[in-house]
C-alpha atoms as a PDB file:
ATOM      1  CA  MET A   1      92.167  76.897 117.363  1.00  0.00           C
ATOM      2  CA  ALA A   2      94.393  74.720 115.043  1.00  0.00           C
ATOM      3  CA  GLY A   3      97.994  74.452 116.022  1.00  0.00           C
ATOM      4  CA  THR A   4     100.628  76.341 118.539  1.00  0.00           C
ATOM      5  CA  TYR A   5     103.653  77.974 116.870  1.00  0.00           C
ATOM      6  CA  GLU A   6     106.246  75.485 118.632  1.00  0.00           C
ATOM      7  CA  SER A   7     104.969  73.338 115.728  1.00  0.00           C
ATOM      8  CA  GLY A   8     105.033  75.954 113.078  1.00  0.00           C
ATOM      9  CA  PRO A   9     102.375  78.227 111.539  1.00  0.00           C
ATOM     10  CA  SER A  10      98.815  77.056 112.170  1.00  0.00           C
ATOM     11  CA  TYR A  11      98.103  76.489 108.463  1.00  0.00           C
ATOM     12  CA  LEU A  12     100.650  73.775 108.451  1.00  0.00           C
ATOM     13  CA  SER A  13      98.703  71.378 110.983  1.00  0.00           C
ATOM     14  CA  LEU A  14      95.559  72.053 108.592  1.00  0.00           C
ATOM     15  CA  HIS A  15      97.545  71.448 105.342  1.00  0.00           C
ATOM     16  CA  ARG A  16      98.420  68.012 106.988  1.00  0.00           C
ATOM     17  CA  SER A  17      94.957  67.015 108.269  1.00  0.00           C
ATOM     18  CA  GLY A  18      93.667  67.714 104.667  1.00  0.00           C
ATOM     19  CA  GLU A  19      91.434  70.160 106.427  1.00  0.00           C
ATOM     20  CA  LEU A  20      92.960  73.474 104.642  1.00  0.00           C
ATOM     21  CA  GLU A  21      91.829  71.773 101.200  1.00  0.00           C
ATOM     22  CA  ARG A  22      88.140  71.587 102.300  1.00  0.00           C
ATOM     23  CA  ARG A  23      88.801  75.235 103.279  1.00  0.00           C
ATOM     24  CA  VAL A  24      89.926  75.864  99.635  1.00  0.00           C
ATOM     25  CA  LYS A  25      86.494  74.442  98.576  1.00  0.00           C
ATOM     26  CA  HIS A  26      84.470  76.475 101.203  1.00  0.00           C
ATOM     27  CA  ALA A  27      86.286  80.146 100.255  1.00  0.00           C
ATOM     28  CA  GLY A  28      85.715  79.353  96.486  1.00  0.00           C
ATOM     29  CA  GLU A  29      81.885  78.992  97.039  1.00  0.00           C
ATOM     30  CA  LEU A  30      81.838  82.866  98.231  1.00  0.00           C
ATOM     31  CA  LEU A  31      82.914  83.950  94.607  1.00  0.00           C
ATOM     32  CA  SER A  32      79.727  82.817  92.827  1.00  0.00           C
ATOM     33  CA  PRO A  33      77.540  84.903  93.710  1.00  0.00           C
ATOM     34  CA  CYS A  34      80.006  87.063  95.497  1.00  0.00           C
ATOM     35  CA  ARG A  35      79.492  87.330  99.113  1.00  0.00           C
ATOM     36  CA  VAL A  36      83.281  87.584 100.109  1.00  0.00           C
ATOM     37  CA  CYS A  37      82.849  90.921 101.744  1.00  0.00           C
ATOM     38  CA  PRO A  38      80.252  92.680 103.792  1.00  0.00           C
ATOM     39  CA  ARG A  39      78.905  94.377 100.600  1.00  0.00           C
ATOM     40  CA  GLN A  40      77.669  90.980  98.890  1.00  0.00           C
ATOM     41  CA  CYS A  41      77.960  92.523  95.603  1.00  0.00           C
ATOM     42  CA  GLY A  42      76.826  89.141  94.174  1.00  0.00           C
ATOM     43  CA  VAL A  43      78.579  89.614  90.713  1.00  0.00           C
ATOM     44  CA  ASP A  44      79.920  86.115  89.238  1.00  0.00           C
ATOM     45  CA  ARG A  45      83.351  86.398  90.211  1.00  0.00           C
ATOM     46  CA  SER A  46      84.186  82.663  89.390  1.00  0.00           C
ATOM     47  CA  ALA A  47      82.973  83.595  85.567  1.00  0.00           C
ATOM     48  CA  GLY A  48      85.482  86.439  85.553  1.00  0.00           C
ATOM     49  CA  LYS A  49      83.078  89.435  86.339  1.00  0.00           C
ATOM     50  CA  THR A  50      84.617  92.001  88.434  1.00  0.00           C
ATOM     51  CA  GLY A  51      82.658  93.376  92.037  1.00  0.00           C
ATOM     52  CA  TYR A  52      82.677  96.458  93.512  1.00  0.00           C
ATOM     53  CA  CYS A  53      86.156  95.984  94.680  1.00  0.00           C
ATOM     54  CA  GLY A  54      87.979  95.245  91.401  1.00  0.00           C
ATOM     55  CA  GLY A  55      88.389  91.860  91.941  1.00  0.00           C
ATOM     56  CA  GLY A  56      87.599  89.178  89.575  1.00  0.00           C
ATOM     57  CA  PHE A  57      88.239  85.621  89.653  1.00  0.00           C
ATOM     58  CA  LEU A  58      91.953  85.777  89.561  1.00  0.00           C
ATOM     59  CA  PRO A  59      94.320  87.513  92.206  1.00  0.00           C
ATOM     60  CA  LYS A  60      95.734  90.953  91.349  1.00  0.00           C
ATOM     61  CA  VAL A  61      99.090  91.707  92.729  1.00  0.00           C
ATOM     62  CA  SER A  62     100.378  95.199  92.458  1.00  0.00           C
ATOM     63  CA  SER A  63     103.684  94.615  93.977  1.00  0.00           C
ATOM     64  CA  PHE A  64     105.959  92.328  96.699  1.00  0.00           C
ATOM     65  CA  GLY A  65     108.931  92.515  98.309  1.00  0.00           C
ATOM     66  CA  PRO A  66     110.368  92.674 101.799  1.00  0.00           C
ATOM     67  CA  HIS A  67     109.512  95.454 103.512  1.00  0.00           C
ATOM     68  CA  PHE A  68     111.130  97.434 106.221  1.00  0.00           C
ATOM     69  CA  GLY A  69     108.313 100.307 106.938  1.00  0.00           C
ATOM     70  CA  GLU A  70     105.842  97.951 108.977  1.00  0.00           C
ATOM     71  CA  GLU A  71     105.594  97.555 112.918  1.00  0.00           C
ATOM     72  CA  PRO A  72     109.005  96.481 114.413  1.00  0.00           C
ATOM     73  CA  PRO A  73     107.890  93.157 115.393  1.00  0.00           C
ATOM     74  CA  LEU A  74     106.909  92.549 111.945  1.00  0.00           C
ATOM     75  CA  VAL A  75     110.048  93.724 110.087  1.00  0.00           C
ATOM     76  CA  GLY A  76     112.866  92.425 112.400  1.00  0.00           C
ATOM     77  CA  SER A  77     116.144  92.171 110.833  1.00  0.00           C
ATOM     78  CA  SER A  78     115.249  90.640 107.302  1.00  0.00           C
ATOM     79  CA  GLY A  79     111.747  92.638 106.472  1.00  0.00           C
ATOM     80  CA  SER A  80     108.085  91.702 106.501  1.00  0.00           C
ATOM     81  CA  GLY A  81     107.416  89.810 103.233  1.00  0.00           C
ATOM     82  CA  THR A  82     104.612  92.086 101.894  1.00  0.00           C
ATOM     83  CA  ILE A  83     102.252  91.316  98.792  1.00  0.00           C
ATOM     84  CA  PHE A  84     100.049  94.160  97.818  1.00  0.00           C
ATOM     85  CA  PHE A  85      96.972  93.160  96.349  1.00  0.00           C
ATOM     86  CA  ALA A  86      95.306  95.723  93.716  1.00  0.00           C
ATOM     87  CA  GLY A  87      91.680  96.941  94.488  1.00  0.00           C
ATOM     88  CA  CYS A  88      89.782  97.360  98.066  1.00  0.00           C
ATOM     89  CA  SER A  89      86.344  96.598  99.529  1.00  0.00           C
ATOM     90  CA  LEU A  90      86.682 100.165 100.997  1.00  0.00           C
ATOM     91  CA  ARG A  91      87.368 103.158  98.883  1.00  0.00           C
ATOM     92  CA  CYS A  92      89.231 105.575 101.037  1.00  0.00           C
ATOM     93  CA  ALA A  93      89.410 109.428 100.072  1.00  0.00           C
ATOM     94  CA  PHE A  94      92.441 109.622 101.528  1.00  0.00           C
ATOM     95  CA  CYS A  95      94.108 106.514 100.873  1.00  0.00           C
ATOM     96  CA  GLN A  96      97.856 106.849 100.417  1.00  0.00           C
ATOM     97  CA  ASN A  97      97.852 103.790  98.249  1.00  0.00           C
ATOM     98  CA  TYR A  98      95.326 105.148  96.075  1.00  0.00           C
ATOM     99  CA  GLU A  99      96.716 104.097  92.665  1.00  0.00           C
ATOM    100  CA  ILE A 100      96.790 100.560  94.054  1.00  0.00           C
ATOM    101  CA  SER A 101      93.512 100.557  96.039  1.00  0.00           C
ATOM    102  CA  GLN A 102      91.149 102.677  93.666  1.00  0.00           C
ATOM    103  CA  GLU A 103      92.749 102.970  90.397  1.00  0.00           C
ATOM    104  CA  ARG A 104      93.799  98.873  90.686  1.00  0.00           C
ATOM    105  CA  TYR A 105      97.275  99.160  89.304  1.00  0.00           C
ATOM    106  CA  GLY A 106      98.652  95.885  89.368  1.00  0.00           C
ATOM    107  CA  ARG A 107      98.544  92.315  87.195  1.00  0.00           C
ATOM    108  CA  GLU A 108      96.358  89.252  87.693  1.00  0.00           C
ATOM    109  CA  VAL A 109      98.480  86.178  88.435  1.00  0.00           C
ATOM    110  CA  SER A 110      97.533  82.670  88.741  1.00  0.00           C
ATOM    111  CA  CYS A 111      96.826  80.868  92.441  1.00  0.00           C
ATOM    112  CA  GLU A 112      99.985  79.102  91.652  1.00  0.00           C
ATOM    113  CA  GLU A 113     102.254  82.006  90.899  1.00  0.00           C
ATOM    114  CA  LEU A 114     101.050  83.524  93.920  1.00  0.00           C
ATOM    115  CA  ALA A 115     102.009  80.781  96.173  1.00  0.00           C
ATOM    116  CA  ARG A 116     105.766  81.052  94.080  1.00  0.00           C
ATOM    117  CA  ILE A 117     105.762  84.878  95.242  1.00  0.00           C
ATOM    118  CA  MET A 118     105.022  83.526  99.093  1.00  0.00           C
ATOM    119  CA  LEU A 119     107.957  81.108  98.590  1.00  0.00           C
ATOM    120  CA  TRP A 120     110.069  83.473  97.154  1.00  0.00           C
ATOM    121  CA  LEU A 121     109.565  86.133 100.029  1.00  0.00           C
ATOM    122  CA  GLN A 122     110.537  83.265 102.558  1.00  0.00           C
ATOM    123  CA  ASP A 123     113.540  82.434 100.572  1.00  0.00           C
ATOM    124  CA  ARG A 124     114.464  85.960 101.068  1.00  0.00           C
ATOM    125  CA  GLY A 125     114.446  85.723 104.663  1.00  0.00           C
ATOM    126  CA  CYS A 126     111.312  87.317 105.612  1.00  0.00           C
ATOM    127  CA  HIS A 127     109.716  86.936 108.882  1.00  0.00           C
ATOM    128  CA  ASN A 128     106.205  86.550 107.881  1.00  0.00           C
ATOM    129  CA  ILE A 129     103.861  86.894 104.444  1.00  0.00           C
ATOM    130  CA  ASN A 130     102.252  90.163 104.973  1.00  0.00           C
ATOM    131  CA  LEU A 131      99.135  89.999 102.790  1.00  0.00           C
ATOM    132  CA  VAL A 132      97.992  94.026 102.173  1.00  0.00           C
ATOM    133  CA  SER A 133      94.389  94.396 101.389  1.00  0.00           C
ATOM    134  CA  PRO A 134      93.373  90.980 101.289  1.00  0.00           C
ATOM    135  CA  THR A 135      89.850  91.064 102.045  1.00  0.00           C
ATOM    136  CA  HIS A 136      88.488  90.536  98.351  1.00  0.00           C
ATOM    137  CA  PHE A 137      90.902  87.971  97.329  1.00  0.00           C
ATOM    138  CA  VAL A 138      90.410  85.502 100.481  1.00  0.00           C
ATOM    139  CA  PRO A 139      89.598  82.366  98.288  1.00  0.00           C
ATOM    140  CA  GLN A 140      92.310  82.909  96.360  1.00  0.00           C
ATOM    141  CA  ILE A 141      94.565  83.454  98.965  1.00  0.00           C
ATOM    142  CA  VAL A 142      93.625  80.166 100.884  1.00  0.00           C
ATOM    143  CA  ARG A 143      94.404  78.171  97.815  1.00  0.00           C
ATOM    144  CA  SER A 144      97.722  79.863  97.128  1.00  0.00           C
ATOM    145  CA  VAL A 145      98.490  79.072 100.615  1.00  0.00           C
ATOM    146  CA  SER A 146      97.419  75.486 100.109  1.00  0.00           C
ATOM    147  CA  ILE A 147      99.701  75.039  97.351  1.00  0.00           C
ATOM    148  CA  ALA A 148     102.703  76.854  99.005  1.00  0.00           C
ATOM    149  CA  ALA A 149     102.224  74.975 101.993  1.00  0.00           C
ATOM    150  CA  GLY A 150     102.803  71.889  99.739  1.00  0.00           C
ATOM    151  CA  GLN A 151     105.972  73.261  98.779  1.00  0.00           C
ATOM    152  CA  GLY A 152     107.847  74.339 102.207  1.00  0.00           C
ATOM    153  CA  LEU A 153     106.001  77.623 103.165  1.00  0.00           C
ATOM    154  CA  ALA A 154     106.216  77.419 107.106  1.00  0.00           C
ATOM    155  CA  ILE A 155     106.408  81.434 108.207  1.00  0.00           C
ATOM    156  CA  PRO A 156     103.326  83.253 109.532  1.00  0.00           C
ATOM    157  CA  LEU A 157     100.388  84.806 107.749  1.00  0.00           C
ATOM    158  CA  VAL A 158      99.774  88.332 108.142  1.00  0.00           C
ATOM    159  CA  TYR A 159      96.228  89.459 107.455  1.00  0.00           C
ATOM    160  CA  ASN A 160      96.714  93.369 106.658  1.00  0.00           C
ATOM    161  CA  THR A 161      93.330  94.949 106.638  1.00  0.00           C
ATOM    162  CA  GLY A 162      90.940  97.822 106.506  1.00  0.00           C
ATOM    163  CA  SER A 163      88.222  95.523 108.561  1.00  0.00           C
ATOM    164  CA  TYR A 164      85.398  95.759 106.152  1.00  0.00           C
ATOM    165  CA  ASP A 165      85.508  91.976 106.705  1.00  0.00           C
ATOM    166  CA  SER A 166      82.709  89.462 106.893  1.00  0.00           C
ATOM    167  CA  VAL A 167      82.932  87.216 109.802  1.00  0.00           C
ATOM    168  CA  GLU A 168      81.919  84.775 107.668  1.00  0.00           C
ATOM    169  CA  THR A 169      84.573  84.839 105.550  1.00  0.00           C
ATOM    170  CA  LEU A 170      86.964  85.231 108.541  1.00  0.00           C
ATOM    171  CA  ARG A 171      85.997  81.906 110.044  1.00  0.00           C
ATOM    172  CA  ILE A 172      87.252  80.208 107.249  1.00  0.00           C
ATOM    173  CA  LEU A 173      90.714  81.777 107.855  1.00  0.00           C
ATOM    174  CA  ASP A 174      90.651  80.731 111.744  1.00  0.00           C
ATOM    175  CA  GLY A 175      93.769  78.650 111.871  1.00  0.00           C
ATOM    176  CA  ILE A 176      95.622  79.797 108.501  1.00  0.00           C
ATOM    177  CA  VAL A 177      96.259  83.329 109.394  1.00  0.00           C
ATOM    178  CA  ASP A 178      98.491  83.452 112.045  1.00  0.00           C
ATOM    179  CA  ILE A 179      98.825  87.070 112.708  1.00  0.00           C
ATOM    180  CA  TYR A 180      95.746  89.785 112.073  1.00  0.00           C
ATOM    181  CA  MET A 181      96.429  93.320 111.684  1.00  0.00           C
ATOM    182  CA  PRO A 182      93.231  95.273 111.111  1.00  0.00           C
ATOM    183  CA  ASP A 183      92.884  98.863 110.798  1.00  0.00           C
ATOM    184  CA  ALA A 184      90.070 100.500 113.556  1.00  0.00           C
ATOM    185  CA  LYS A 185      89.253 103.632 111.024  1.00  0.00           C
ATOM    186  CA  TYR A 186      86.288 105.080 112.684  1.00  0.00           C
ATOM    187  CA  ALA A 187      83.824 105.560 115.487  1.00  0.00           C
ATOM    188  CA  ASP A 188      81.290 107.233 113.297  1.00  0.00           C
ATOM    189  CA  ASP A 189      79.136 105.409 110.803  1.00  0.00           C
ATOM    190  CA  GLU A 190      78.138 108.709 108.831  1.00  0.00           C
ATOM    191  CA  ILE A 191      81.859 109.552 108.657  1.00  0.00           C
ATOM    192  CA  ALA A 192      82.742 105.911 107.455  1.00  0.00           C
ATOM    193  CA  LEU A 193      80.357 106.215 104.671  1.00  0.00           C
ATOM    194  CA  VAL A 194      81.287 109.713 103.350  1.00  0.00           C
ATOM    195  CA  LEU A 195      84.990 109.173 103.521  1.00  0.00           C
ATOM    196  CA  SER A 196      85.284 105.362 102.681  1.00  0.00           C
ATOM    197  CA  GLU A 197      81.763 104.488 100.971  1.00  0.00           C
ATOM    198  CA  ALA A 198      81.304 101.747 103.724  1.00  0.00           C
ATOM    199  CA  PRO A 199      77.678 101.294 105.088  1.00  0.00           C
ATOM    200  CA  ARG A 200      77.759 100.281 108.555  1.00  0.00           C
ATOM    201  CA  TYR A 201      81.307 100.224 109.141  1.00  0.00           C
ATOM    202  CA  VAL A 202      81.711 100.414 112.876  1.00  0.00           C
ATOM    203  CA  GLU A 203      79.050  97.307 113.527  1.00  0.00           C
ATOM    204  CA  ILE A 204      81.289  95.294 110.623  1.00  0.00           C
ATOM    205  CA  MET A 205      84.728  96.596 111.986  1.00  0.00           C
ATOM    206  CA  GLU A 206      83.896  95.686 115.327  1.00  0.00           C
ATOM    207  CA  ALA A 207      82.585  92.341 114.797  1.00  0.00           C
ATOM    208  CA  ALA A 208      85.607  91.647 112.742  1.00  0.00           C
ATOM    209  CA  ILE A 209      88.051  92.529 115.258  1.00  0.00           C
ATOM    210  CA  VAL A 210      86.572  90.916 117.764  1.00  0.00           C
ATOM    211  CA  GLU A 211      86.395  87.207 115.638  1.00  0.00           C
ATOM    212  CA  MET A 212      90.216  88.119 114.953  1.00  0.00           C
ATOM    213  CA  GLN A 213      90.744  88.464 118.712  1.00  0.00           C
ATOM    214  CA  ARG A 214      88.887  85.039 119.209  1.00  0.00           C
ATOM    215  CA  GLN A 215      90.966  83.450 116.736  1.00  0.00           C
ATOM    216  CA  VAL A 216      94.852  84.391 117.622  1.00  0.00           C
ATOM    217  CA  GLY A 217      94.662  86.403 120.846  1.00  0.00           C
ATOM    218  CA  ASP A 218      96.707  88.844 122.172  1.00  0.00           C
ATOM    219  CA  LEU A 219     100.221  89.362 120.270  1.00  0.00           C
ATOM    220  CA  VAL A 220     102.814  87.086 120.964  1.00  0.00           C
ATOM    221  CA  ILE A 221     106.456  88.553 120.700  1.00  0.00           C
ATOM    222  CA  GLU A 222     109.392  85.878 120.735  1.00  0.00           C
ATOM    223  CA  ARG A 223     112.896  87.401 120.726  1.00  0.00           C
ATOM    224  CA  GLY A 224     111.759  90.832 118.868  1.00  0.00           C
ATOM    225  CA  ILE A 225     109.715  88.934 116.159  1.00  0.00           C
ATOM    226  CA  ALA A 226     105.645  88.729 116.280  1.00  0.00           C
ATOM    227  CA  ARG A 227     104.700  85.020 115.997  1.00  0.00           C
ATOM    228  CA  ARG A 228     100.850  85.071 116.640  1.00  0.00           C
ATOM    229  CA  GLY A 229      98.134  87.516 117.495  1.00  0.00           C
ATOM    230  CA  LEU A 230      96.488  90.732 116.696  1.00  0.00           C
ATOM    231  CA  ILE A 231      98.217  94.092 115.898  1.00  0.00           C
ATOM    232  CA  ILE A 232      95.425  96.957 115.389  1.00  0.00           C
ATOM    233  CA  ARG A 233      96.164  99.933 113.675  1.00  0.00           C
ATOM    234  CA  HIS A 234      94.545 103.610 114.044  1.00  0.00           C
ATOM    235  CA  LEU A 235      95.097 106.419 112.049  1.00  0.00           C
ATOM    236  CA  VAL A 236      94.545 109.632 113.775  1.00  0.00           C
ATOM    237  CA  LEU A 237      92.577 112.092 111.590  1.00  0.00           C
ATOM    238  CA  PRO A 238      92.389 115.794 111.807  1.00  0.00           C
ATOM    239  CA  GLY A 239      89.650 117.404 113.455  1.00  0.00           C
ATOM    240  CA  GLY A 240      88.998 114.360 115.733  1.00  0.00           C
ATOM    241  CA  LEU A 241      87.166 112.937 112.688  1.00  0.00           C
ATOM    242  CA  ALA A 242      88.000 109.234 113.327  1.00  0.00           C
ATOM    243  CA  GLY A 243      86.429 109.081 116.643  1.00  0.00           C
ATOM    244  CA  SER A 244      89.837 108.123 118.399  1.00  0.00           C
ATOM    245  CA  GLY A 245      88.682 108.114 121.712  1.00  0.00           C
ATOM    246  CA  ARG A 246      85.699 106.099 121.260  1.00  0.00           C
ATOM    247  CA  VAL A 247      87.881 103.453 118.897  1.00  0.00           C
ATOM    248  CA  PHE A 248      90.077 103.212 122.098  1.00  0.00           C
ATOM    249  CA  ALA A 249      87.342 102.472 124.441  1.00  0.00           C
ATOM    250  CA  PHE A 250      86.198  99.794 122.196  1.00  0.00           C
ATOM    251  CA  ILE A 251      89.351  98.098 121.929  1.00  0.00           C
ATOM    252  CA  ALA A 252      89.682  98.173 125.798  1.00  0.00           C
ATOM    253  CA  GLU A 253      86.278  97.009 126.663  1.00  0.00           C
ATOM    254  CA  ARG A 254      85.591  94.512 123.790  1.00  0.00           C
ATOM    255  CA  VAL A 255      89.147  93.081 122.426  1.00  0.00           C
ATOM    256  CA  SER A 256      91.591  93.382 125.099  1.00  0.00           C
ATOM    257  CA  ARG A 257      93.539  95.970 127.452  1.00  0.00           C
ATOM    258  CA  ASP A 258      96.486  94.126 126.293  1.00  0.00           C
ATOM    259  CA  ALA A 259      95.798  94.792 122.508  1.00  0.00           C
ATOM    260  CA  TYR A 260      99.079  95.855 120.793  1.00  0.00           C
ATOM    261  CA  ILE A 261      97.943  99.225 119.126  1.00  0.00           C
ATOM    262  CA  ASN A 262      99.708 101.280 116.508  1.00  0.00           C
ATOM    263  CA  ILE A 263      98.701 104.598 117.060  1.00  0.00           C
ATOM    264  CA  MET A 264      99.281 106.328 113.528  1.00  0.00           C
ATOM    265  CA  ASP A 265     100.364 109.809 112.825  1.00  0.00           C
ATOM    266  CA  GLN A 266     101.116 110.068 109.423  1.00  0.00           C
ATOM    267  CA  TYR A 267      98.008 111.556 107.951  1.00  0.00           C
ATOM    268  CA  ARG A 268      98.542 113.898 104.721  1.00  0.00           C
ATOM    269  CA  PRO A 269      96.132 115.111 102.225  1.00  0.00           C
ATOM    270  CA  CYS A 270      95.957 112.753  99.600  1.00  0.00           C
ATOM    271  CA  GLY A 271      93.381 111.005  97.176  1.00  0.00           C
ATOM    272  CA  ARG A 272      90.268 112.743  96.687  1.00  0.00           C
ATOM    273  CA  VAL A 273      90.447 114.957 100.004  1.00  0.00           C
ATOM    274  CA  GLY A 274      90.378 118.010  97.372  1.00  0.00           C
ATOM    275  CA  ASP A 275      86.732 117.098  97.057  1.00  0.00           C
ATOM    276  CA  PHE A 276      85.669 118.396 100.754  1.00  0.00           C
ATOM    277  CA  LEU A 277      87.062 122.177 100.650  1.00  0.00           C
ATOM    278  CA  ALA A 278      83.420 123.176 101.014  1.00  0.00           C
ATOM    279  CA  ASP A 279      82.173 121.193 103.651  1.00  0.00           C
ATOM    280  CA  PRO A 280      82.655 122.660 106.998  1.00  0.00           C
ATOM    281  CA  ARG A 281      83.609 119.816 108.617  1.00  0.00           C
ATOM    282  CA  LEU A 282      85.390 117.618 106.401  1.00  0.00           C
ATOM    283  CA  LYS A 283      88.071 120.598 105.071  1.00  0.00           C
ATOM    284  CA  VAL A 284      90.139 119.809 107.707  1.00  0.00           C
ATOM    285  CA  LEU A 285      91.550 116.865 105.728  1.00  0.00           C
ATOM    286  CA  ASN A 286      93.182 119.129 103.509  1.00  0.00           C
ATOM    287  CA  ARG A 287      95.949 120.001 106.232  1.00  0.00           C
ATOM    288  CA  ARG A 288      98.178 117.622 108.218  1.00  0.00           C
ATOM    289  CA  LEU A 289      97.353 116.455 111.648  1.00  0.00           C
ATOM    290  CA  THR A 290      99.075 118.575 114.405  1.00  0.00           C
ATOM    291  CA  VAL A 291     101.324 117.415 117.144  1.00  0.00           C
ATOM    292  CA  LYS A 292      98.464 118.331 119.720  1.00  0.00           C
ATOM    293  CA  GLU A 293      95.885 116.117 117.964  1.00  0.00           C
ATOM    294  CA  TYR A 294      98.269 113.336 117.906  1.00  0.00           C
ATOM    295  CA  LYS A 295      99.011 113.752 121.467  1.00  0.00           C
ATOM    296  CA  GLU A 296      95.230 113.960 122.845  1.00  0.00           C
ATOM    297  CA  ALA A 297      94.645 110.604 120.713  1.00  0.00           C
ATOM    298  CA  VAL A 298      97.677 109.003 122.796  1.00  0.00           C
ATOM    299  CA  GLU A 299      96.042 110.055 126.013  1.00  0.00           C
ATOM    300  CA  ALA A 300      92.681 108.818 125.271  1.00  0.00           C
ATOM    301  CA  ALA A 301      94.075 105.331 124.405  1.00  0.00           C
ATOM    302  CA  GLN A 302      95.938 105.476 127.776  1.00  0.00           C
ATOM    303  CA  ARG A 303      93.001 106.780 129.667  1.00  0.00           C
ATOM    304  CA  ALA A 304      91.118 103.615 128.050  1.00  0.00           C
ATOM    305  CA  GLY A 305      93.554 101.395 129.735  1.00  0.00           C
ATOM    306  CA  LEU A 306      95.652 100.708 126.797  1.00  0.00           C
ATOM    307  CA  HIS A 307      99.361 100.100 127.225  1.00  0.00           C
ATOM    308  CA  ARG A 308     101.073  97.844 124.340  1.00  0.00           C
ATOM    309  CA  GLY A 309     101.966  99.323 121.020  1.00  0.00           C
ATOM    310  CA  ILE A 310     103.494 102.422 119.452  1.00  0.00           C
ATOM    311  CA  PRO A 311     104.031 105.099 120.909  1.00  0.00           C
ATOM    312  CA  LEU A 312     102.553 102.991 124.364  1.00  0.00           C
ATOM    313  CA  GLY A 313     105.352 101.065 124.240  1.00  0.00           C
ATOM    314  CA  ASN A 314     106.618  97.955 122.557  1.00  0.00           C
ATOM    315  CA  ARG A 315     105.831  95.037 124.969  1.00  0.00           C
END
């Protein structure tokens, strides 16, 4: 694992050694045929063709700016510098960013422009660069970080993902990403396939999060600000569809009982959930989460031995 935070974000030592530029080349090779994400759809993105994710050769950005709605250790006093990428390796029926992830609202930018966006966010005082739905643009992100590091970028990188990530791709990011923020969405492959079109989601998500933990470890917070480590998000779904108890058992047993967890209660019907009104099991998605359902999920996390995070305590 490259570097410690005392010497700045990990990618700076890789930049100084020349290793970051070697990672740029390695990542670029994943674009043709495309095997950036576990779908391995095989299109030639280096020729501008678009994959299942909607991504082509250039990164596509929907929006960017200081964001104050993220986890408190990311936001601090000046915000998290979010960059929302258009498209996604998943197609979650209930996605609250549906226009961005599936309608792919945004514009293509060069890697040089993406680097300038990162530097602009740093100049605004943001505590980190928060890459939202970055999975399908890892090669372009690595190139942009290399450019930005040469021009003074020196704040942590947050990899904010739905966890449908290839371990091969994540290993390219070892020493580049400081903070991983994956979703642990489901404990059931059948539900994942129906709701997110994600074959083998549980196996892929678990392998990805274990690799992220290997790279960065438990979350390190200094003076209230996250510097390095893992933040795991879990959105509780109505009717227990996410399998929250099994998700928390995986985290406690295979990741860390000291993992920082955000147990999220903000599910609301949106996207394509109306398609499931006739399905006896899935029609619950057309209502909001109940207080009782959320409380049961929190209690399941506590029984598993998890104790850090939201609402478990910001430690």
